[in-house]
Amino acid sequence: MSTTNANAEHKAGFVNIIGSPNVGKSTLMNQLVGERLSIINAKAQTTRHRIMGIVSGDDWQIVYSDTPGVLDPAYKLQEGMMKFVRTALRDADVLLIVTTPEETTLAHPETLEKIQRMDIPVLLLINKVDLSDQEKVTHHISLWQDLIPRAEIHPISALHGFNLDHLLDRIVELLPQSPAFFPKDEMTDKPMRFFVAEIIREKILTHTRQEVPYSSEVIVESFKKDQTKEGKPLRRIHAVIQVARDSQKAILIGTGGQMIKRLATDARKDLEDFLKEKVFLELRIKVDKDWRNDERKLKQYGYFDG
C-alpha cells in the first residue's frame, strides 16, 4: 500500500467505521489494519465494543475504529453499544459508512440524520460488490447519493481486498495535519485480556444459535504467566461465560459436557496462535438473569463509563 510524500507534514486522524449490523465492518477493519482484531461471524451484532486498530506510515497515522452495528436498543447492553457509535460520530476526522447492494438505508434513522448534518469527509463504501451485479450496484450508488449528497462512494470487497489500496490512499489524503496519537509500533488501544475474551466469545457465536450468543458475556478472571514441565512459556487463563438463563447454561455445557469442551478446545487453539505461547484454558458458566439490563455490571464490562 502506498503512502504520502515523506517530506510532507505529518498527518493523523480518527477514521471511524459505521454501518448497519452484518454489512462487513469487522472484515473491513481487519483488512485495513492487517490483523484480526475484530470478531468476524455471519451472525448480526457480533461487535459489541468500539475497537481501535492503528496503522502508521512514516508521515501519517490512521486510528481506525470498528463499532457495533447501528440499531434501536432493546435493553441496556444495546444502549451501551450505541453509545460507542455516538462517540465515534463525535470524534471522527473521516467517516467510513459501510453498506451493501442489498441495503437501501441505515438500520437506525437517527444515526443517518446525524451523518447528514455532519461536515467531516464521508466515504460511503458499498461492500460485497463481488456478490452483486453491476445494475444493482449502480442503483445503490444513486440511492446513497440522494441520501448523503456530499459522500464519496467507493465500491469495495472487504473480504477479497478489492479497491482497498485506493481507499487507503484517499483516507491519507483526507487526514488532518497532526502528530501521531499513539507510538508508531502500537496496533490497538485494547489490552490483551479484551482480545482473549473476544476469541472465546467468537466460539460461542460460531457454535450456538438463537438467543445464546446474544445473552453471553465472557469475563477473563485470571490471565497468568507460567511454564510447562519442559520450561516453556505457558499462559493460564480462567474465564467465566455469563448467560441469562439456566437453559442457556445447559446448552453451553452440552450433553456430557461436550459443548463446553468444544468451546474450550477451539478457543485454546486460536489463543495459542494469537498469544504465540502454550495456553491452559479453563471455562466456567454462570447464570446472571438480568446482566444485560444491569448498568452497574455493564460498567464493569466496559459498556458504560464508570
C-alpha atoms as a PDB file:
ATOM      1  CA  MET A   1       0.000   0.000   0.000  1.00  0.00           C
ATOM      2  CA  SER A   2       1.267   3.458  -0.831  1.00  0.00           C
ATOM      3  CA  THR A   3       1.894   6.415   1.489  1.00  0.00           C
ATOM      4  CA  THR A   4       2.077  10.186   1.178  1.00  0.00           C
ATOM      5  CA  ASN A   5       5.237  12.132   0.317  1.00  0.00           C
ATOM      6  CA  ALA A   6       7.892  11.632   3.025  1.00  0.00           C
ATOM      7  CA  ASN A   7       8.650  15.378   3.085  1.00  0.00           C
ATOM      8  CA  ALA A   8       5.057  16.418   3.810  1.00  0.00           C
ATOM      9  CA  GLU A   9       3.971  17.405   7.288  1.00  0.00           C
ATOM     10  CA  HIS A  10       2.734  14.566   9.461  1.00  0.00           C
ATOM     11  CA  LYS A  11      -0.956  13.654   9.258  1.00  0.00           C
ATOM     12  CA  ALA A  12      -3.058  11.712  11.734  1.00  0.00           C
ATOM     13  CA  GLY A  13      -6.717  11.199  12.482  1.00  0.00           C
ATOM     14  CA  PHE A  14      -9.568   9.028  13.673  1.00  0.00           C
ATOM     15  CA  VAL A  15     -11.226   7.097  10.844  1.00  0.00           C
ATOM     16  CA  ASN A  16     -14.381   5.547  12.224  1.00  0.00           C
ATOM     17  CA  ILE A  17     -16.373   2.733  10.629  1.00  0.00           C
ATOM     18  CA  ILE A  18     -20.178   2.942  10.900  1.00  0.00           C
ATOM     19  CA  GLY A  19     -22.930   0.788   9.437  1.00  0.00           C
ATOM     20  CA  SER A  20     -25.885  -1.492   9.978  1.00  0.00           C
ATOM     21  CA  PRO A  21     -25.348  -4.942  11.543  1.00  0.00           C
ATOM     22  CA  ASN A  22     -23.746  -7.595   9.345  1.00  0.00           C
ATOM     23  CA  VAL A  23     -22.560  -5.428   6.430  1.00  0.00           C
ATOM     24  CA  GLY A  24     -18.860  -6.361   6.815  1.00  0.00           C
ATOM     25  CA  LYS A  25     -17.471  -3.628   9.081  1.00  0.00           C
ATOM     26  CA  SER A  26     -15.264  -6.010  11.065  1.00  0.00           C
ATOM     27  CA  THR A  27     -13.918  -7.717   7.938  1.00  0.00           C
ATOM     28  CA  LEU A  28     -13.019  -4.286   6.577  1.00  0.00           C
ATOM     29  CA  MET A  29     -11.369  -3.239   9.839  1.00  0.00           C
ATOM     30  CA  ASN A  30      -9.215  -6.362   9.944  1.00  0.00           C
ATOM     31  CA  GLN A  31      -8.180  -5.935   6.320  1.00  0.00           C
ATOM     32  CA  LEU A  32      -7.254  -2.278   6.809  1.00  0.00           C
ATOM     33  CA  VAL A  33      -5.249  -2.980   9.968  1.00  0.00           C
ATOM     34  CA  GLY A  34      -3.704  -6.209   8.691  1.00  0.00           C
ATOM     35  CA  GLU A  35      -4.547  -8.149  11.841  1.00  0.00           C
ATOM     36  CA  ARG A  36      -7.628  -9.944  13.146  1.00  0.00           C
ATOM     37  CA  LEU A  37      -8.722  -7.524  15.853  1.00  0.00           C
ATOM     38  CA  SER A  38     -12.496  -7.773  15.421  1.00  0.00           C
ATOM     39  CA  ILE A  39     -14.700 -10.860  15.554  1.00  0.00           C
ATOM     40  CA  ILE A  40     -15.964 -11.954  12.147  1.00  0.00           C
ATOM     41  CA  ASN A  41     -19.126 -14.044  12.125  1.00  0.00           C
ATOM     42  CA  ALA A  42     -22.176 -14.442   9.901  1.00  0.00           C
ATOM     43  CA  LYS A  43     -24.462 -13.560  12.831  1.00  0.00           C
ATOM     44  CA  ALA A  44     -25.530  -9.928  13.198  1.00  0.00           C
ATOM     45  CA  GLN A  45     -24.484  -7.742  16.159  1.00  0.00           C
ATOM     46  CA  THR A  46     -21.134  -9.522  16.511  1.00  0.00           C
ATOM     47  CA  THR A  47     -19.205  -6.395  17.551  1.00  0.00           C
ATOM     48  CA  ARG A  48     -20.203  -5.007  20.958  1.00  0.00           C
ATOM     49  CA  HIS A  49     -17.396  -2.575  21.750  1.00  0.00           C
ATOM     50  CA  ARG A  50     -15.548   0.163  19.902  1.00  0.00           C
ATOM     51  CA  ILE A  51     -12.284  -1.468  18.836  1.00  0.00           C
ATOM     52  CA  MET A  52      -9.401   0.699  17.649  1.00  0.00           C
ATOM     53  CA  GLY A  53      -6.837  -0.504  15.141  1.00  0.00           C
ATOM     54  CA  ILE A  54      -3.775   1.680  14.486  1.00  0.00           C
ATOM     55  CA  VAL A  55      -1.920   1.797  11.163  1.00  0.00           C
ATOM     56  CA  SER A  56       1.134   4.027  10.745  1.00  0.00           C
ATOM     57  CA  GLY A  57       3.296   5.187   7.859  1.00  0.00           C
ATOM     58  CA  ASP A  58       6.402   7.360   8.007  1.00  0.00           C
ATOM     59  CA  ASP A  59       4.403  10.582   7.830  1.00  0.00           C
ATOM     60  CA  TRP A  60       0.859   9.516   8.766  1.00  0.00           C
ATOM     61  CA  GLN A  61      -1.129   7.547  11.307  1.00  0.00           C
ATOM     62  CA  ILE A  62      -4.689   6.266  10.963  1.00  0.00           C
ATOM     63  CA  VAL A  63      -6.635   5.271  14.064  1.00  0.00           C
ATOM     64  CA  TYR A  64      -9.457   3.102  12.746  1.00  0.00           C
ATOM     65  CA  SER A  65     -12.476   2.254  14.914  1.00  0.00           C
ATOM     66  CA  ASP A  66     -14.781  -0.694  14.368  1.00  0.00           C
ATOM     67  CA  THR A  67     -18.162  -0.036  16.016  1.00  0.00           C
ATOM     68  CA  PRO A  68     -21.299  -2.055  16.784  1.00  0.00           C
ATOM     69  CA  GLY A  69     -23.974  -2.155  14.106  1.00  0.00           C
ATOM     70  CA  VAL A  70     -26.452   0.703  14.450  1.00  0.00           C
ATOM     71  CA  LEU A  71     -29.849  -0.327  15.848  1.00  0.00           C
ATOM     72  CA  ASP A  72     -32.716   0.724  18.112  1.00  0.00           C
ATOM     73  CA  PRO A  73     -31.655  -0.509  21.572  1.00  0.00           C
ATOM     74  CA  ALA A  74     -33.910  -3.091  23.201  1.00  0.00           C
ATOM     75  CA  TYR A  75     -32.034  -3.281  26.523  1.00  0.00           C
ATOM     76  CA  LYS A  76     -29.199  -1.611  28.458  1.00  0.00           C
ATOM     77  CA  LEU A  77     -26.444  -3.628  26.778  1.00  0.00           C
ATOM     78  CA  GLN A  78     -27.526  -2.346  23.370  1.00  0.00           C
ATOM     79  CA  GLU A  79     -27.757   1.197  24.770  1.00  0.00           C
ATOM     80  CA  GLY A  80     -24.106   0.848  25.722  1.00  0.00           C
ATOM     81  CA  MET A  81     -23.278  -0.449  22.248  1.00  0.00           C
ATOM     82  CA  MET A  82     -24.972   2.571  20.646  1.00  0.00           C
ATOM     83  CA  LYS A  83     -23.020   4.869  22.972  1.00  0.00           C
ATOM     84  CA  PHE A  84     -19.849   3.686  21.202  1.00  0.00           C
ATOM     85  CA  VAL A  85     -21.446   4.615  17.863  1.00  0.00           C
ATOM     86  CA  ARG A  86     -22.362   8.114  19.070  1.00  0.00           C
ATOM     87  CA  THR A  87     -18.840   8.679  20.383  1.00  0.00           C
ATOM     88  CA  ALA A  88     -17.389   7.513  17.074  1.00  0.00           C
ATOM     89  CA  LEU A  89     -19.556  10.050  15.234  1.00  0.00           C
ATOM     90  CA  ARG A  90     -18.379  12.859  17.517  1.00  0.00           C
ATOM     91  CA  ASP A  91     -14.627  12.294  17.269  1.00  0.00           C
ATOM     92  CA  ALA A  92     -14.268  11.142  13.636  1.00  0.00           C
ATOM     93  CA  ASP A  93     -11.946  13.034  11.311  1.00  0.00           C
ATOM     94  CA  VAL A  94     -13.072  10.815   8.434  1.00  0.00           C
ATOM     95  CA  LEU A  95     -16.214   8.656   8.499  1.00  0.00           C
ATOM     96  CA  LEU A  96     -16.462   5.335   6.661  1.00  0.00           C
ATOM     97  CA  ILE A  97     -20.054   4.166   6.176  1.00  0.00           C
ATOM     98  CA  VAL A  98     -20.270   0.528   5.144  1.00  0.00           C
ATOM     99  CA  THR A  99     -23.309  -0.729   3.271  1.00  0.00           C
ATOM    100  CA  THR A 100     -24.118  -3.495   0.773  1.00  0.00           C
ATOM    101  CA  PRO A 101     -26.036  -3.593  -2.533  1.00  0.00           C
ATOM    102  CA  GLU A 102     -28.948  -5.121  -0.602  1.00  0.00           C
ATOM    103  CA  GLU A 103     -29.348  -2.194   1.827  1.00  0.00           C
ATOM    104  CA  THR A 104     -31.238   0.980   0.953  1.00  0.00           C
ATOM    105  CA  THR A 105     -30.726   2.964   4.186  1.00  0.00           C
ATOM    106  CA  LEU A 106     -29.111   2.685   7.617  1.00  0.00           C
ATOM    107  CA  ALA A 107     -30.843   0.440  10.149  1.00  0.00           C
ATOM    108  CA  HIS A 108     -31.023   3.403  12.576  1.00  0.00           C
ATOM    109  CA  PRO A 109     -32.631   6.551  11.024  1.00  0.00           C
ATOM    110  CA  GLU A 110     -31.416   8.828  13.838  1.00  0.00           C
ATOM    111  CA  THR A 111     -27.792   7.929  13.072  1.00  0.00           C
ATOM    112  CA  LEU A 112     -28.349   8.637   9.379  1.00  0.00           C
ATOM    113  CA  GLU A 113     -29.816  12.054  10.231  1.00  0.00           C
ATOM    114  CA  LYS A 114     -26.745  12.914  12.338  1.00  0.00           C
ATOM    115  CA  ILE A 115     -24.438  11.915   9.490  1.00  0.00           C
ATOM    116  CA  GLN A 116     -26.412  14.062   7.047  1.00  0.00           C
ATOM    117  CA  ARG A 117     -25.787  17.099   9.291  1.00  0.00           C
ATOM    118  CA  MET A 118     -22.054  16.463   9.767  1.00  0.00           C
ATOM    119  CA  ASP A 119     -19.421  18.372   7.806  1.00  0.00           C
ATOM    120  CA  ILE A 120     -16.476  15.947   8.002  1.00  0.00           C
ATOM    121  CA  PRO A 121     -15.382  13.856   4.986  1.00  0.00           C
ATOM    122  CA  VAL A 122     -17.660  10.840   4.449  1.00  0.00           C
ATOM    123  CA  LEU A 123     -16.635   7.839   2.361  1.00  0.00           C
ATOM    124  CA  LEU A 124     -19.559   5.534   1.649  1.00  0.00           C
ATOM    125  CA  LEU A 125     -18.310   2.017   0.939  1.00  0.00           C
ATOM    126  CA  ILE A 126     -20.536  -0.375  -0.975  1.00  0.00           C
ATOM    127  CA  ASN A 127     -19.201  -3.697   0.281  1.00  0.00           C
ATOM    128  CA  LYS A 128     -19.674  -7.179  -1.186  1.00  0.00           C
ATOM    129  CA  VAL A 129     -19.867  -5.877  -4.754  1.00  0.00           C
ATOM    130  CA  ASP A 130     -18.382  -9.202  -5.870  1.00  0.00           C
ATOM    131  CA  LEU A 131     -21.682 -10.831  -4.844  1.00  0.00           C
ATOM    132  CA  SER A 132     -23.892  -8.471  -6.862  1.00  0.00           C
ATOM    133  CA  ASP A 133     -24.436  -7.396 -10.475  1.00  0.00           C
ATOM    134  CA  GLN A 134     -23.423  -4.026 -11.877  1.00  0.00           C
ATOM    135  CA  GLU A 135     -27.000  -2.822 -12.336  1.00  0.00           C
ATOM    136  CA  LYS A 136     -27.813  -3.309  -8.648  1.00  0.00           C
ATOM    137  CA  VAL A 137     -24.574  -1.582  -7.586  1.00  0.00           C
ATOM    138  CA  THR A 138     -25.300   1.387  -9.884  1.00  0.00           C
ATOM    139  CA  HIS A 139     -28.828   1.687  -8.460  1.00  0.00           C
ATOM    140  CA  HIS A 140     -27.403   1.525  -4.940  1.00  0.00           C
ATOM    141  CA  ILE A 141     -24.932   4.325  -5.695  1.00  0.00           C
ATOM    142  CA  SER A 142     -27.815   6.510  -6.885  1.00  0.00           C
ATOM    143  CA  LEU A 143     -29.858   5.845  -3.735  1.00  0.00           C
ATOM    144  CA  TRP A 144     -26.999   6.792  -1.416  1.00  0.00           C
ATOM    145  CA  GLN A 145     -26.048   9.863  -3.425  1.00  0.00           C
ATOM    146  CA  ASP A 146     -29.575  11.111  -2.744  1.00  0.00           C
ATOM    147  CA  LEU A 147     -29.344  10.244   0.983  1.00  0.00           C
ATOM    148  CA  ILE A 148     -25.873  11.766   1.557  1.00  0.00           C
ATOM    149  CA  PRO A 149     -25.082  14.005  -1.448  1.00  0.00           C
ATOM    150  CA  ARG A 150     -21.598  15.009  -0.239  1.00  0.00           C
ATOM    151  CA  ALA A 151     -20.412  11.431   0.390  1.00  0.00           C
ATOM    152  CA  GLU A 152     -17.733   9.923  -1.847  1.00  0.00           C
ATOM    153  CA  ILE A 153     -18.900   6.484  -2.921  1.00  0.00           C
ATOM    154  CA  HIS A 154     -16.419   3.615  -3.306  1.00  0.00           C
ATOM    155  CA  PRO A 155     -17.388   0.061  -4.325  1.00  0.00           C
ATOM    156  CA  ILE A 156     -15.252  -2.465  -2.402  1.00  0.00           C
ATOM    157  CA  SER A 157     -14.965  -6.084  -1.371  1.00  0.00           C
ATOM    158  CA  ALA A 158     -13.563  -6.171   2.156  1.00  0.00           C
ATOM    159  CA  LEU A 159     -13.276  -9.969   2.080  1.00  0.00           C
ATOM    160  CA  HIS A 160     -11.193 -10.021  -1.110  1.00  0.00           C
ATOM    161  CA  GLY A 161      -9.381  -6.699  -0.638  1.00  0.00           C
ATOM    162  CA  PHE A 162     -10.866  -5.148  -3.778  1.00  0.00           C
ATOM    163  CA  ASN A 163     -10.244  -1.368  -4.030  1.00  0.00           C
ATOM    164  CA  LEU A 164      -8.733  -1.144  -0.518  1.00  0.00           C
ATOM    165  CA  ASP A 165      -5.352   0.203  -1.715  1.00  0.00           C
ATOM    166  CA  HIS A 166      -7.161   3.102  -3.395  1.00  0.00           C
ATOM    167  CA  LEU A 167      -9.268   3.578  -0.265  1.00  0.00           C
ATOM    168  CA  LEU A 168      -6.151   3.887   1.924  1.00  0.00           C
ATOM    169  CA  ASP A 169      -4.651   6.499  -0.402  1.00  0.00           C
ATOM    170  CA  ARG A 170      -7.846   8.542  -0.259  1.00  0.00           C
ATOM    171  CA  ILE A 171      -8.069   8.296   3.549  1.00  0.00           C
ATOM    172  CA  VAL A 172      -4.475   9.523   3.914  1.00  0.00           C
ATOM    173  CA  GLU A 173      -5.264  12.469   1.608  1.00  0.00           C
ATOM    174  CA  LEU A 174      -8.193  13.437   3.846  1.00  0.00           C
ATOM    175  CA  LEU A 175      -6.360  13.208   7.181  1.00  0.00           C
ATOM    176  CA  PRO A 176      -5.740  16.485   9.034  1.00  0.00           C
ATOM    177  CA  GLN A 177      -2.194  17.575   9.809  1.00  0.00           C
ATOM    178  CA  SER A 178      -1.393  16.290  13.293  1.00  0.00           C
ATOM    179  CA  PRO A 179       1.301  14.458  15.216  1.00  0.00           C
ATOM    180  CA  ALA A 180       0.734  10.756  15.851  1.00  0.00           C
ATOM    181  CA  PHE A 181      -1.721   9.907  18.641  1.00  0.00           C
ATOM    182  CA  PHE A 182      -0.025   6.610  19.528  1.00  0.00           C
ATOM    183  CA  PRO A 183       3.511   5.176  19.293  1.00  0.00           C
ATOM    184  CA  LYS A 184       4.126   4.034  15.720  1.00  0.00           C
ATOM    185  CA  ASP A 185       4.593   0.383  16.729  1.00  0.00           C
ATOM    186  CA  GLU A 186       1.218   0.099  18.519  1.00  0.00           C
ATOM    187  CA  MET A 187      -1.644  -1.686  16.766  1.00  0.00           C
ATOM    188  CA  THR A 188      -4.582  -1.231  19.165  1.00  0.00           C
ATOM    189  CA  ASP A 189      -5.675   0.542  22.332  1.00  0.00           C
ATOM    190  CA  LYS A 190      -7.232  -2.599  23.844  1.00  0.00           C
ATOM    191  CA  PRO A 191      -5.481  -4.760  26.494  1.00  0.00           C
ATOM    192  CA  MET A 192      -4.666  -8.414  25.822  1.00  0.00           C
ATOM    193  CA  ARG A 193      -7.462  -9.632  28.127  1.00  0.00           C
ATOM    194  CA  PHE A 194     -10.017  -7.955  25.888  1.00  0.00           C
ATOM    195  CA  PHE A 195      -8.948  -9.993  22.865  1.00  0.00           C
ATOM    196  CA  VAL A 196      -8.828 -13.185  24.939  1.00  0.00           C
ATOM    197  CA  ALA A 197     -12.477 -12.642  25.908  1.00  0.00           C
ATOM    198  CA  GLU A 198     -13.394 -11.822  22.295  1.00  0.00           C
ATOM    199  CA  ILE A 199     -11.778 -15.013  20.971  1.00  0.00           C
ATOM    200  CA  ILE A 200     -13.774 -17.093  23.463  1.00  0.00           C
ATOM    201  CA  ARG A 201     -16.969 -15.174  22.622  1.00  0.00           C
ATOM    202  CA  GLU A 202     -16.361 -15.796  18.928  1.00  0.00           C
ATOM    203  CA  LYS A 203     -16.537 -19.552  19.581  1.00  0.00           C
ATOM    204  CA  ILE A 204     -19.906 -19.106  21.310  1.00  0.00           C
ATOM    205  CA  LEU A 205     -21.141 -17.219  18.240  1.00  0.00           C
ATOM    206  CA  THR A 206     -19.840 -19.973  15.975  1.00  0.00           C
ATOM    207  CA  HIS A 207     -21.182 -22.997  17.836  1.00  0.00           C
ATOM    208  CA  THR A 208     -24.510 -21.821  19.313  1.00  0.00           C
ATOM    209  CA  ARG A 209     -27.719 -20.404  17.885  1.00  0.00           C
ATOM    210  CA  GLN A 210     -30.806 -18.338  18.650  1.00  0.00           C
ATOM    211  CA  GLU A 211     -30.534 -16.246  21.808  1.00  0.00           C
ATOM    212  CA  VAL A 212     -27.482 -17.917  23.367  1.00  0.00           C
ATOM    213  CA  PRO A 213     -24.735 -15.811  21.681  1.00  0.00           C
ATOM    214  CA  TYR A 214     -26.578 -12.564  22.438  1.00  0.00           C
ATOM    215  CA  SER A 215     -27.137 -13.495  26.088  1.00  0.00           C
ATOM    216  CA  SER A 216     -23.484 -14.398  26.724  1.00  0.00           C
ATOM    217  CA  GLU A 217     -20.656 -12.282  28.076  1.00  0.00           C
ATOM    218  CA  VAL A 218     -17.096 -13.526  28.678  1.00  0.00           C
ATOM    219  CA  ILE A 219     -15.168 -12.296  31.714  1.00  0.00           C
ATOM    220  CA  VAL A 220     -11.472 -13.174  31.999  1.00  0.00           C
ATOM    221  CA  GLU A 221     -10.884 -13.715  35.709  1.00  0.00           C
ATOM    222  CA  SER A 222      -7.250 -14.809  35.583  1.00  0.00           C
ATOM    223  CA  PHE A 223      -4.518 -14.315  32.968  1.00  0.00           C
ATOM    224  CA  LYS A 224      -1.220 -15.539  34.398  1.00  0.00           C
ATOM    225  CA  LYS A 225       2.210 -16.404  33.074  1.00  0.00           C
ATOM    226  CA  ASP A 226       3.519 -19.858  33.961  1.00  0.00           C
ATOM    227  CA  GLN A 227       5.689 -22.513  32.348  1.00  0.00           C
ATOM    228  CA  THR A 228       5.345 -26.117  31.232  1.00  0.00           C
ATOM    229  CA  LYS A 229       7.244 -29.016  32.780  1.00  0.00           C
ATOM    230  CA  GLU A 230       9.775 -28.531  29.993  1.00  0.00           C
ATOM    231  CA  GLY A 231      10.258 -24.895  30.995  1.00  0.00           C
ATOM    232  CA  LYS A 232       8.440 -23.373  28.014  1.00  0.00           C
ATOM    233  CA  PRO A 233       6.128 -20.346  28.450  1.00  0.00           C
ATOM    234  CA  LEU A 234       2.557 -21.224  29.448  1.00  0.00           C
ATOM    235  CA  ARG A 235      -0.403 -18.881  29.808  1.00  0.00           C
ATOM    236  CA  ARG A 236      -3.040 -19.962  32.341  1.00  0.00           C
ATOM    237  CA  ILE A 237      -6.408 -18.409  31.572  1.00  0.00           C
ATOM    238  CA  HIS A 238      -9.559 -18.783  33.662  1.00  0.00           C
ATOM    239  CA  ALA A 239     -12.714 -17.273  32.179  1.00  0.00           C
ATOM    240  CA  VAL A 240     -16.407 -17.173  33.015  1.00  0.00           C
ATOM    241  CA  ILE A 241     -19.128 -17.332  30.377  1.00  0.00           C
ATOM    242  CA  GLN A 242     -22.089 -15.449  31.790  1.00  0.00           C
ATOM    243  CA  VAL A 243     -25.576 -16.187  30.466  1.00  0.00           C
ATOM    244  CA  ALA A 244     -29.101 -15.038  31.317  1.00  0.00           C
ATOM    245  CA  ARG A 245     -30.941 -18.360  31.762  1.00  0.00           C
ATOM    246  CA  ASP A 246     -30.399 -21.840  33.149  1.00  0.00           C
ATOM    247  CA  SER A 247     -31.460 -23.259  29.767  1.00  0.00           C
ATOM    248  CA  GLN A 248     -28.632 -21.319  28.083  1.00  0.00           C
ATOM    249  CA  LYS A 249     -26.158 -22.712  30.608  1.00  0.00           C
ATOM    250  CA  ALA A 250     -27.347 -26.210  29.768  1.00  0.00           C
ATOM    251  CA  ILE A 251     -26.820 -25.571  26.045  1.00  0.00           C
ATOM    252  CA  LEU A 252     -23.294 -24.286  26.619  1.00  0.00           C
ATOM    253  CA  ILE A 253     -22.401 -27.290  28.769  1.00  0.00           C
ATOM    254  CA  GLY A 254     -23.938 -29.726  26.279  1.00  0.00           C
ATOM    255  CA  THR A 255     -24.629 -33.423  26.630  1.00  0.00           C
ATOM    256  CA  GLY A 256     -21.910 -34.928  28.773  1.00  0.00           C
ATOM    257  CA  GLY A 257     -20.056 -31.606  28.770  1.00  0.00           C
ATOM    258  CA  GLN A 258     -19.328 -31.894  25.033  1.00  0.00           C
ATOM    259  CA  MET A 259     -20.178 -28.295  24.093  1.00  0.00           C
ATOM    260  CA  ILE A 260     -18.019 -26.597  26.708  1.00  0.00           C
ATOM    261  CA  LYS A 261     -15.149 -28.941  25.817  1.00  0.00           C
ATOM    262  CA  ARG A 262     -15.541 -27.977  22.169  1.00  0.00           C
ATOM    263  CA  LEU A 263     -15.624 -24.257  23.001  1.00  0.00           C
ATOM    264  CA  ALA A 264     -12.527 -24.554  25.174  1.00  0.00           C
ATOM    265  CA  THR A 265     -10.584 -26.609  22.615  1.00  0.00           C
ATOM    266  CA  ASP A 266     -11.368 -24.279  19.692  1.00  0.00           C
ATOM    267  CA  ALA A 267     -10.703 -21.148  21.751  1.00  0.00           C
ATOM    268  CA  ARG A 268      -7.415 -22.549  23.085  1.00  0.00           C
ATOM    269  CA  LYS A 269      -6.134 -23.198  19.560  1.00  0.00           C
ATOM    270  CA  ASP A 270      -6.895 -19.632  18.459  1.00  0.00           C
ATOM    271  CA  LEU A 271      -5.488 -18.207  21.688  1.00  0.00           C
ATOM    272  CA  GLU A 272      -2.226 -20.064  21.143  1.00  0.00           C
ATOM    273  CA  ASP A 273      -1.994 -18.617  17.630  1.00  0.00           C
ATOM    274  CA  PHE A 274      -2.806 -15.141  18.940  1.00  0.00           C
ATOM    275  CA  LEU A 275      -0.547 -15.174  22.009  1.00  0.00           C
ATOM    276  CA  LYS A 276       2.251 -17.236  20.420  1.00  0.00           C
ATOM    277  CA  GLU A 277       2.540 -19.398  23.530  1.00  0.00           C
ATOM    278  CA  LYS A 278       1.070 -22.535  25.053  1.00  0.00           C
ATOM    279  CA  VAL A 279      -2.303 -21.950  26.711  1.00  0.00           C
ATOM    280  CA  PHE A 280      -4.164 -23.689  29.512  1.00  0.00           C
ATOM    281  CA  LEU A 281      -7.797 -22.544  29.357  1.00  0.00           C
ATOM    282  CA  GLU A 282     -10.489 -23.210  31.944  1.00  0.00           C
ATOM    283  CA  LEU A 283     -14.071 -22.130  31.260  1.00  0.00           C
ATOM    284  CA  ARG A 284     -16.903 -21.885  33.770  1.00  0.00           C
ATOM    285  CA  ILE A 285     -20.522 -20.931  33.121  1.00  0.00           C
ATOM    286  CA  LYS A 286     -22.515 -18.656  35.397  1.00  0.00           C
ATOM    287  CA  VAL A 287     -26.172 -17.580  35.251  1.00  0.00           C
ATOM    288  CA  ASP A 288     -26.981 -13.906  35.886  1.00  0.00           C
ATOM    289  CA  LYS A 289     -30.568 -13.380  34.808  1.00  0.00           C
ATOM    290  CA  ASP A 290     -30.534  -9.607  34.307  1.00  0.00           C
ATOM    291  CA  TRP A 291     -26.935  -8.773  33.405  1.00  0.00           C
ATOM    292  CA  ARG A 292     -27.894  -7.169  30.057  1.00  0.00           C
ATOM    293  CA  ASN A 293     -30.040  -4.580  31.881  1.00  0.00           C
ATOM    294  CA  ASP A 294     -27.803  -4.033  34.937  1.00  0.00           C
ATOM    295  CA  GLU A 295     -25.961  -0.762  34.302  1.00  0.00           C
ATOM    296  CA  ARG A 296     -23.587  -1.316  37.240  1.00  0.00           C
ATOM    297  CA  LYS A 297     -22.391  -4.615  35.795  1.00  0.00           C
ATOM    298  CA  LEU A 298     -22.299  -3.250  32.253  1.00  0.00           C
ATOM    299  CA  LYS A 299     -19.942  -0.533  33.511  1.00  0.00           C
ATOM    300  CA  GLN A 300     -17.673  -3.260  34.876  1.00  0.00           C
ATOM    301  CA  TYR A 301     -17.698  -4.920  31.441  1.00  0.00           C
ATOM    302  CA  GLY A 302     -16.796  -1.646  29.702  1.00  0.00           C
ATOM    303  CA  TYR A 303     -20.115  -0.711  28.070  1.00  0.00           C
ATOM    304  CA  PHE A 304     -20.654   2.474  30.086  1.00  0.00           C
ATOM    305  CA  ASP A 305     -18.281   4.934  31.721  1.00  0.00           C
ATOM    306  CA  GLY A 306     -17.560   4.049  35.304  1.00  0.00           C
END
